[in-house]
Amino acid sequence: MGLYSKYVLPRLINSTCSVSTVSKQRAKIVPLAKGKVLEIGIGSGLNLPFYQKDQVKTIWGLEPQQELLAMAKTEGAKHDFPIHFIQASAEDIPLDNQQFDTIVITYTLCSIPKANLALAEMKRVLKPGGQVLFCEHGAAPDPEVLKWQNRINPLWKRVGGGCNLNRRIPALFQEAGFQIPNLHSMYIPGWRPACFNYWGNAVLK
């Protein structure tokens, strides 16, 4: 891991993902989590203030990057619900089958190298009747914006820690065997190629 990835990128991710427009999106999804929760890509812990302690039994936070996980542990110490942190990849979750009532994933699916494997792992650890709560940026519906997303993506991916601008989020869930009962989408304020958001819940078919 280079100096940029180790020291600069974690702070850049934390700063970018904590802006008010993104926080408003988190507030639409995270408070709906219930029971035993797995957060995929807990990052620096930006979702932790949005969990409802009367609804959440325990949280397991999965994060592959050590520097971000250290930041999440600092944030986690401020909250009075049980939080367990795991340094691991979403493509190989080191937990048993059918454990979680809710899986939360926000602004993470864009950067997982093999998103299909991560979604298969989420299916494996989700209890029957459980749900995935998600909020992600992705491919825009406007051809001109999508054209720019496709053009910029190779460079963006290099400087953004593997983040992709143009992933088709609903299709990824559907191809993995989920259905999406409640899907919402819109541009949030900001640079349009990075600001088309999808959010909702996904359940097993």
C-alpha atoms as a PDB file:
ATOM      1  CA  MET A   1       0.000   0.000   0.000  1.00  0.00           C
ATOM      2  CA  GLY A   2       1.446   3.371  -1.061  1.00  0.00           C
ATOM      3  CA  LEU A   3       1.624   6.518   1.025  1.00  0.00           C
ATOM      4  CA  TYR A   4      -1.383   7.996  -0.803  1.00  0.00           C
ATOM      5  CA  SER A   5      -3.581   4.967  -0.057  1.00  0.00           C
ATOM      6  CA  LYS A   6      -2.383   4.680   3.529  1.00  0.00           C
ATOM      7  CA  TYR A   7      -2.393   8.302   4.704  1.00  0.00           C
ATOM      8  CA  VAL A   8      -4.223  10.540   2.219  1.00  0.00           C
ATOM      9  CA  LEU A   9      -7.068   8.430   0.848  1.00  0.00           C
ATOM     10  CA  PRO A  10      -8.696   7.472   4.193  1.00  0.00           C
ATOM     11  CA  ARG A  11      -8.954  11.133   5.204  1.00  0.00           C
ATOM     12  CA  LEU A  12     -10.163  12.111   1.759  1.00  0.00           C
ATOM     13  CA  ILE A  13     -12.875   9.454   1.905  1.00  0.00           C
ATOM     14  CA  ASN A  14     -13.912  10.553   5.383  1.00  0.00           C
ATOM     15  CA  SER A  15     -14.099  14.208   4.333  1.00  0.00           C
ATOM     16  CA  THR A  16     -15.965  13.567   1.076  1.00  0.00           C
ATOM     17  CA  CYS A  17     -18.440  11.124   2.593  1.00  0.00           C
ATOM     18  CA  SER A  18     -19.294  13.360   5.564  1.00  0.00           C
ATOM     19  CA  VAL A  19     -20.630  16.336   3.594  1.00  0.00           C
ATOM     20  CA  SER A  20     -24.156  17.397   4.518  1.00  0.00           C
ATOM     21  CA  THR A  21     -25.826  16.210   1.305  1.00  0.00           C
ATOM     22  CA  VAL A  22     -24.454  12.695   1.813  1.00  0.00           C
ATOM     23  CA  SER A  23     -25.353  12.742   5.505  1.00  0.00           C
ATOM     24  CA  LYS A  24     -28.961  13.515   4.550  1.00  0.00           C
ATOM     25  CA  GLN A  25     -28.974  10.400   2.385  1.00  0.00           C
ATOM     26  CA  ARG A  26     -27.603   8.288   5.231  1.00  0.00           C
ATOM     27  CA  ALA A  27     -30.394   9.590   7.455  1.00  0.00           C
ATOM     28  CA  LYS A  28     -32.989   8.145   5.064  1.00  0.00           C
ATOM     29  CA  ILE A  29     -31.642   4.599   5.330  1.00  0.00           C
ATOM     30  CA  VAL A  30     -29.606   3.828   8.438  1.00  0.00           C
ATOM     31  CA  PRO A  31     -32.344   4.511  11.056  1.00  0.00           C
ATOM     32  CA  LEU A  32     -34.408   1.708   9.481  1.00  0.00           C
ATOM     33  CA  ALA A  33     -31.894  -0.936  10.572  1.00  0.00           C
ATOM     34  CA  LYS A  34     -33.174  -3.434  13.142  1.00  0.00           C
ATOM     35  CA  GLY A  35     -31.959  -6.401  15.127  1.00  0.00           C
ATOM     36  CA  LYS A  36     -28.541  -7.863  14.464  1.00  0.00           C
ATOM     37  CA  VAL A  37     -26.920  -5.602  11.874  1.00  0.00           C
ATOM     38  CA  LEU A  38     -23.972  -6.061   9.540  1.00  0.00           C
ATOM     39  CA  GLU A  39     -22.579  -2.890   8.005  1.00  0.00           C
ATOM     40  CA  ILE A  40     -20.559  -3.554   4.867  1.00  0.00           C
ATOM     41  CA  GLY A  41     -17.780  -0.992   4.482  1.00  0.00           C
ATOM     42  CA  ILE A  42     -18.216   0.760   7.800  1.00  0.00           C
ATOM     43  CA  GLY A  43     -15.367   3.061   6.776  1.00  0.00           C
ATOM     44  CA  SER A  44     -14.665   5.723   9.379  1.00  0.00           C
ATOM     45  CA  GLY A  45     -17.985   5.102  11.156  1.00  0.00           C
ATOM     46  CA  LEU A  46     -20.038   7.873   9.553  1.00  0.00           C
ATOM     47  CA  ASN A  47     -23.253   5.831   9.781  1.00  0.00           C
ATOM     48  CA  LEU A  48     -22.968   5.119  13.498  1.00  0.00           C
ATOM     49  CA  PRO A  49     -24.744   8.292  14.722  1.00  0.00           C
ATOM     50  CA  PHE A  50     -27.818   7.376  12.628  1.00  0.00           C
ATOM     51  CA  TYR A  51     -28.566   3.972  14.164  1.00  0.00           C
ATOM     52  CA  GLN A  52     -31.508   3.845  16.580  1.00  0.00           C
ATOM     53  CA  LYS A  53     -30.301   2.195  19.772  1.00  0.00           C
ATOM     54  CA  ASP A  54     -33.813   1.017  20.689  1.00  0.00           C
ATOM     55  CA  GLN A  55     -34.029  -0.911  17.398  1.00  0.00           C
ATOM     56  CA  VAL A  56     -30.511  -2.279  17.057  1.00  0.00           C
ATOM     57  CA  LYS A  57     -29.385  -5.304  19.034  1.00  0.00           C
ATOM     58  CA  THR A  58     -25.756  -5.333  17.916  1.00  0.00           C
ATOM     59  CA  ILE A  59     -23.710  -4.038  14.976  1.00  0.00           C
ATOM     60  CA  TRP A  60     -20.916  -5.808  13.160  1.00  0.00           C
ATOM     61  CA  GLY A  61     -18.813  -3.401  11.104  1.00  0.00           C
ATOM     62  CA  LEU A  62     -16.835  -4.832   8.198  1.00  0.00           C
ATOM     63  CA  GLU A  63     -13.984  -2.792   6.702  1.00  0.00           C
ATOM     64  CA  PRO A  64     -10.874  -3.951   4.788  1.00  0.00           C
ATOM     65  CA  GLN A  65      -8.756  -0.838   5.352  1.00  0.00           C
ATOM     66  CA  GLN A  66      -6.971  -0.660   8.687  1.00  0.00           C
ATOM     67  CA  GLU A  67      -6.748   3.148   8.786  1.00  0.00           C
ATOM     68  CA  LEU A  68     -10.482   3.625   8.257  1.00  0.00           C
ATOM     69  CA  LEU A  69     -11.296   0.886  10.756  1.00  0.00           C
ATOM     70  CA  ALA A  70      -9.243   2.683  13.414  1.00  0.00           C
ATOM     71  CA  MET A  71     -11.308   5.825  12.794  1.00  0.00           C
ATOM     72  CA  ALA A  72     -14.527   3.797  13.072  1.00  0.00           C
ATOM     73  CA  LYS A  73     -13.440   2.370  16.433  1.00  0.00           C
ATOM     74  CA  THR A  74     -12.903   5.893  17.748  1.00  0.00           C
ATOM     75  CA  GLU A  75     -16.386   6.869  16.605  1.00  0.00           C
ATOM     76  CA  GLY A  76     -17.857   3.635  17.965  1.00  0.00           C
ATOM     77  CA  ALA A  77     -16.616   4.435  21.469  1.00  0.00           C
ATOM     78  CA  LYS A  78     -19.087   7.338  21.541  1.00  0.00           C
ATOM     79  CA  HIS A  79     -22.137   5.069  21.262  1.00  0.00           C
ATOM     80  CA  ASP A  80     -23.721   2.790  23.812  1.00  0.00           C
ATOM     81  CA  PHE A  81     -24.809  -0.125  21.618  1.00  0.00           C
ATOM     82  CA  PRO A  82     -22.540  -3.151  21.061  1.00  0.00           C
ATOM     83  CA  ILE A  83     -20.287  -2.808  18.012  1.00  0.00           C
ATOM     84  CA  HIS A  84     -17.910  -5.474  16.745  1.00  0.00           C
ATOM     85  CA  PHE A  85     -15.319  -4.505  14.149  1.00  0.00           C
ATOM     86  CA  ILE A  86     -13.897  -6.902  11.551  1.00  0.00           C
ATOM     87  CA  GLN A  87     -11.062  -6.159   9.157  1.00  0.00           C
ATOM     88  CA  ALA A  88     -12.123  -8.165   6.122  1.00  0.00           C
ATOM     89  CA  SER A  89     -13.347  -7.944   2.556  1.00  0.00           C
ATOM     90  CA  ALA A  90     -17.028  -7.988   1.613  1.00  0.00           C
ATOM     91  CA  GLU A  91     -16.154 -10.595  -1.009  1.00  0.00           C
ATOM     92  CA  ASP A  92     -15.234 -13.082   1.733  1.00  0.00           C
ATOM     93  CA  ILE A  93     -17.170 -12.328   4.924  1.00  0.00           C
ATOM     94  CA  PRO A  94     -15.716 -14.395   7.812  1.00  0.00           C
ATOM     95  CA  LEU A  95     -19.105 -14.999   9.484  1.00  0.00           C
ATOM     96  CA  ASP A  96     -21.602 -17.846   9.555  1.00  0.00           C
ATOM     97  CA  ASN A  97     -24.660 -18.245   7.334  1.00  0.00           C
ATOM     98  CA  GLN A  98     -28.012 -16.555   8.019  1.00  0.00           C
ATOM     99  CA  GLN A  99     -26.918 -14.422  10.960  1.00  0.00           C
ATOM    100  CA  PHE A 100     -28.194 -10.916  10.274  1.00  0.00           C
ATOM    101  CA  ASP A 101     -31.596  -9.268  10.299  1.00  0.00           C
ATOM    102  CA  THR A 102     -30.310  -6.206   8.453  1.00  0.00           C
ATOM    103  CA  ILE A 103     -27.334  -5.474   6.244  1.00  0.00           C
ATOM    104  CA  VAL A 104     -26.440  -1.821   5.704  1.00  0.00           C
ATOM    105  CA  ILE A 105     -24.296  -0.675   2.790  1.00  0.00           C
ATOM    106  CA  THR A 106     -23.817   2.997   1.939  1.00  0.00           C
ATOM    107  CA  TYR A 107     -21.431   4.463  -0.640  1.00  0.00           C
ATOM    108  CA  THR A 108     -19.452   1.226  -0.675  1.00  0.00           C
ATOM    109  CA  LEU A 109     -20.744  -0.979  -3.490  1.00  0.00           C
ATOM    110  CA  CYS A 110     -19.117   1.420  -5.953  1.00  0.00           C
ATOM    111  CA  SER A 111     -15.636   0.457  -4.789  1.00  0.00           C
ATOM    112  CA  ILE A 112     -15.810  -3.297  -4.106  1.00  0.00           C
ATOM    113  CA  PRO A 113     -13.724  -4.917  -6.879  1.00  0.00           C
ATOM    114  CA  LYS A 114     -16.028  -7.920  -7.345  1.00  0.00           C
ATOM    115  CA  ALA A 115     -19.452  -6.608  -6.395  1.00  0.00           C
ATOM    116  CA  ASN A 116     -21.158  -9.827  -7.489  1.00  0.00           C
ATOM    117  CA  LEU A 117     -19.160 -11.844  -4.947  1.00  0.00           C
ATOM    118  CA  ALA A 118     -19.931  -9.324  -2.196  1.00  0.00           C
ATOM    119  CA  LEU A 119     -23.661  -9.520  -2.928  1.00  0.00           C
ATOM    120  CA  ALA A 120     -23.504 -13.313  -2.907  1.00  0.00           C
ATOM    121  CA  GLU A 121     -21.867 -13.133   0.520  1.00  0.00           C
ATOM    122  CA  MET A 122     -24.587 -10.767   1.742  1.00  0.00           C
ATOM    123  CA  LYS A 123     -27.214 -13.296   0.626  1.00  0.00           C
ATOM    124  CA  ARG A 124     -25.365 -15.997   2.545  1.00  0.00           C
ATOM    125  CA  VAL A 125     -25.217 -14.174   5.881  1.00  0.00           C
ATOM    126  CA  LEU A 126     -28.696 -12.601   5.693  1.00  0.00           C
ATOM    127  CA  LYS A 127     -31.459 -14.307   7.670  1.00  0.00           C
ATOM    128  CA  PRO A 128     -34.612 -15.426   5.835  1.00  0.00           C
ATOM    129  CA  GLY A 129     -36.918 -12.405   5.877  1.00  0.00           C
ATOM    130  CA  GLY A 130     -34.010 -10.013   6.389  1.00  0.00           C
ATOM    131  CA  GLN A 131     -33.208  -7.017   4.234  1.00  0.00           C
ATOM    132  CA  VAL A 132     -30.329  -5.029   2.800  1.00  0.00           C
ATOM    133  CA  LEU A 133     -30.625  -1.269   3.274  1.00  0.00           C
ATOM    134  CA  PHE A 134     -28.560   0.568   0.697  1.00  0.00           C
ATOM    135  CA  CYS A 135     -27.684   4.037  -0.493  1.00  0.00           C
ATOM    136  CA  GLU A 136     -25.196   4.300  -3.343  1.00  0.00           C
ATOM    137  CA  HIS A 137     -24.174   6.602  -6.144  1.00  0.00           C
ATOM    138  CA  GLY A 138     -24.070   5.126  -9.621  1.00  0.00           C
ATOM    139  CA  ALA A 139     -24.918   5.280 -13.297  1.00  0.00           C
ATOM    140  CA  ALA A 140     -27.006   8.321 -14.195  1.00  0.00           C
ATOM    141  CA  PRO A 141     -30.145   7.991 -16.361  1.00  0.00           C
ATOM    142  CA  ASP A 142     -29.183  10.956 -18.560  1.00  0.00           C
ATOM    143  CA  PRO A 143     -27.127   9.862 -21.594  1.00  0.00           C
ATOM    144  CA  GLU A 144     -24.883  12.932 -21.516  1.00  0.00           C
ATOM    145  CA  VAL A 145     -24.030  12.496 -17.823  1.00  0.00           C
ATOM    146  CA  LEU A 146     -23.519   8.760 -18.274  1.00  0.00           C
ATOM    147  CA  LYS A 147     -21.180   9.439 -21.193  1.00  0.00           C
ATOM    148  CA  TRP A 148     -19.000  11.572 -18.916  1.00  0.00           C
ATOM    149  CA  GLN A 149     -19.150   8.979 -16.164  1.00  0.00           C
ATOM    150  CA  ASN A 150     -17.840   6.361 -18.585  1.00  0.00           C
ATOM    151  CA  ARG A 151     -15.097   8.661 -19.866  1.00  0.00           C
ATOM    152  CA  ILE A 152     -13.874   9.752 -16.454  1.00  0.00           C
ATOM    153  CA  ASN A 153     -14.237   6.433 -14.658  1.00  0.00           C
ATOM    154  CA  PRO A 154     -10.776   4.929 -15.351  1.00  0.00           C
ATOM    155  CA  LEU A 155      -8.979   7.940 -13.842  1.00  0.00           C
ATOM    156  CA  TRP A 156     -11.569   8.399 -11.092  1.00  0.00           C
ATOM    157  CA  LYS A 157     -11.141   4.779 -10.065  1.00  0.00           C
ATOM    158  CA  ARG A 158      -7.380   5.200  -9.730  1.00  0.00           C
ATOM    159  CA  VAL A 159      -7.495   8.279  -7.499  1.00  0.00           C
ATOM    160  CA  GLY A 160     -10.666   7.312  -5.629  1.00  0.00           C
ATOM    161  CA  GLY A 161      -9.588   4.041  -4.083  1.00  0.00           C
ATOM    162  CA  GLY A 162     -11.374   1.875  -6.647  1.00  0.00           C
ATOM    163  CA  CYS A 163     -14.594   3.906  -6.690  1.00  0.00           C
ATOM    164  CA  ASN A 164     -16.641   3.524  -9.874  1.00  0.00           C
ATOM    165  CA  LEU A 165     -18.920   6.314 -11.090  1.00  0.00           C
ATOM    166  CA  ASN A 166     -20.990   4.214 -13.451  1.00  0.00           C
ATOM    167  CA  ARG A 167     -22.143   1.070 -11.676  1.00  0.00           C
ATOM    168  CA  ARG A 168     -25.791   0.170 -12.305  1.00  0.00           C
ATOM    169  CA  ILE A 169     -26.764  -0.383  -8.695  1.00  0.00           C
ATOM    170  CA  PRO A 170     -30.303  -1.803  -9.069  1.00  0.00           C
ATOM    171  CA  ALA A 171     -29.128  -4.241 -11.749  1.00  0.00           C
ATOM    172  CA  LEU A 172     -26.329  -5.509  -9.501  1.00  0.00           C
ATOM    173  CA  PHE A 173     -28.843  -6.398  -6.772  1.00  0.00           C
ATOM    174  CA  GLN A 174     -31.266  -7.996  -9.206  1.00  0.00           C
ATOM    175  CA  GLU A 175     -28.566 -10.061 -10.922  1.00  0.00           C
ATOM    176  CA  ALA A 176     -27.490 -11.328  -7.498  1.00  0.00           C
ATOM    177  CA  GLY A 177     -30.979 -12.663  -6.742  1.00  0.00           C
ATOM    178  CA  PHE A 178     -32.467  -9.767  -4.790  1.00  0.00           C
ATOM    179  CA  GLN A 179     -35.613  -7.827  -5.486  1.00  0.00           C
ATOM    180  CA  ILE A 180     -36.007  -4.164  -4.532  1.00  0.00           C
ATOM    181  CA  PRO A 181     -39.477  -3.404  -3.098  1.00  0.00           C
ATOM    182  CA  ASN A 182     -38.674   0.260  -2.500  1.00  0.00           C
ATOM    183  CA  LEU A 183     -36.251   1.965  -4.884  1.00  0.00           C
ATOM    184  CA  HIS A 184     -35.665   5.721  -4.968  1.00  0.00           C
ATOM    185  CA  SER A 185     -33.251   7.747  -7.059  1.00  0.00           C
ATOM    186  CA  MET A 186     -32.282  11.342  -7.710  1.00  0.00           C
ATOM    187  CA  TYR A 187     -29.377  13.705  -8.188  1.00  0.00           C
ATOM    188  CA  ILE A 188     -28.172  15.109  -4.903  1.00  0.00           C
ATOM    189  CA  PRO A 189     -26.485  18.544  -5.003  1.00  0.00           C
ATOM    190  CA  GLY A 190     -22.970  18.481  -6.365  1.00  0.00           C
ATOM    191  CA  TRP A 191     -20.992  17.400  -9.419  1.00  0.00           C
ATOM    192  CA  ARG A 192     -23.544  15.456 -11.457  1.00  0.00           C
ATOM    193  CA  PRO A 193     -21.322  12.547 -12.612  1.00  0.00           C
ATOM    194  CA  ALA A 194     -20.791  11.606  -8.954  1.00  0.00           C
ATOM    195  CA  CYS A 195     -24.171  12.608  -7.546  1.00  0.00           C
ATOM    196  CA  PHE A 196     -26.850  10.337  -8.957  1.00  0.00           C
ATOM    197  CA  ASN A 197     -28.038   8.366  -5.917  1.00  0.00           C
ATOM    198  CA  TYR A 198     -30.039   5.166  -5.539  1.00  0.00           C
ATOM    199  CA  TRP A 199     -31.452   4.109  -2.192  1.00  0.00           C
ATOM    200  CA  GLY A 200     -33.956   1.637  -0.808  1.00  0.00           C
ATOM    201  CA  ASN A 201     -34.146  -1.905   0.492  1.00  0.00           C
ATOM    202  CA  ALA A 202     -33.395  -5.239  -1.137  1.00  0.00           C
ATOM    203  CA  VAL A 203     -34.800  -8.611  -0.097  1.00  0.00           C
ATOM    204  CA  LEU A 204     -34.244 -12.144  -1.279  1.00  0.00           C
ATOM    205  CA  LYS A 205     -36.498 -13.341  -4.088  1.00  0.00           C
END
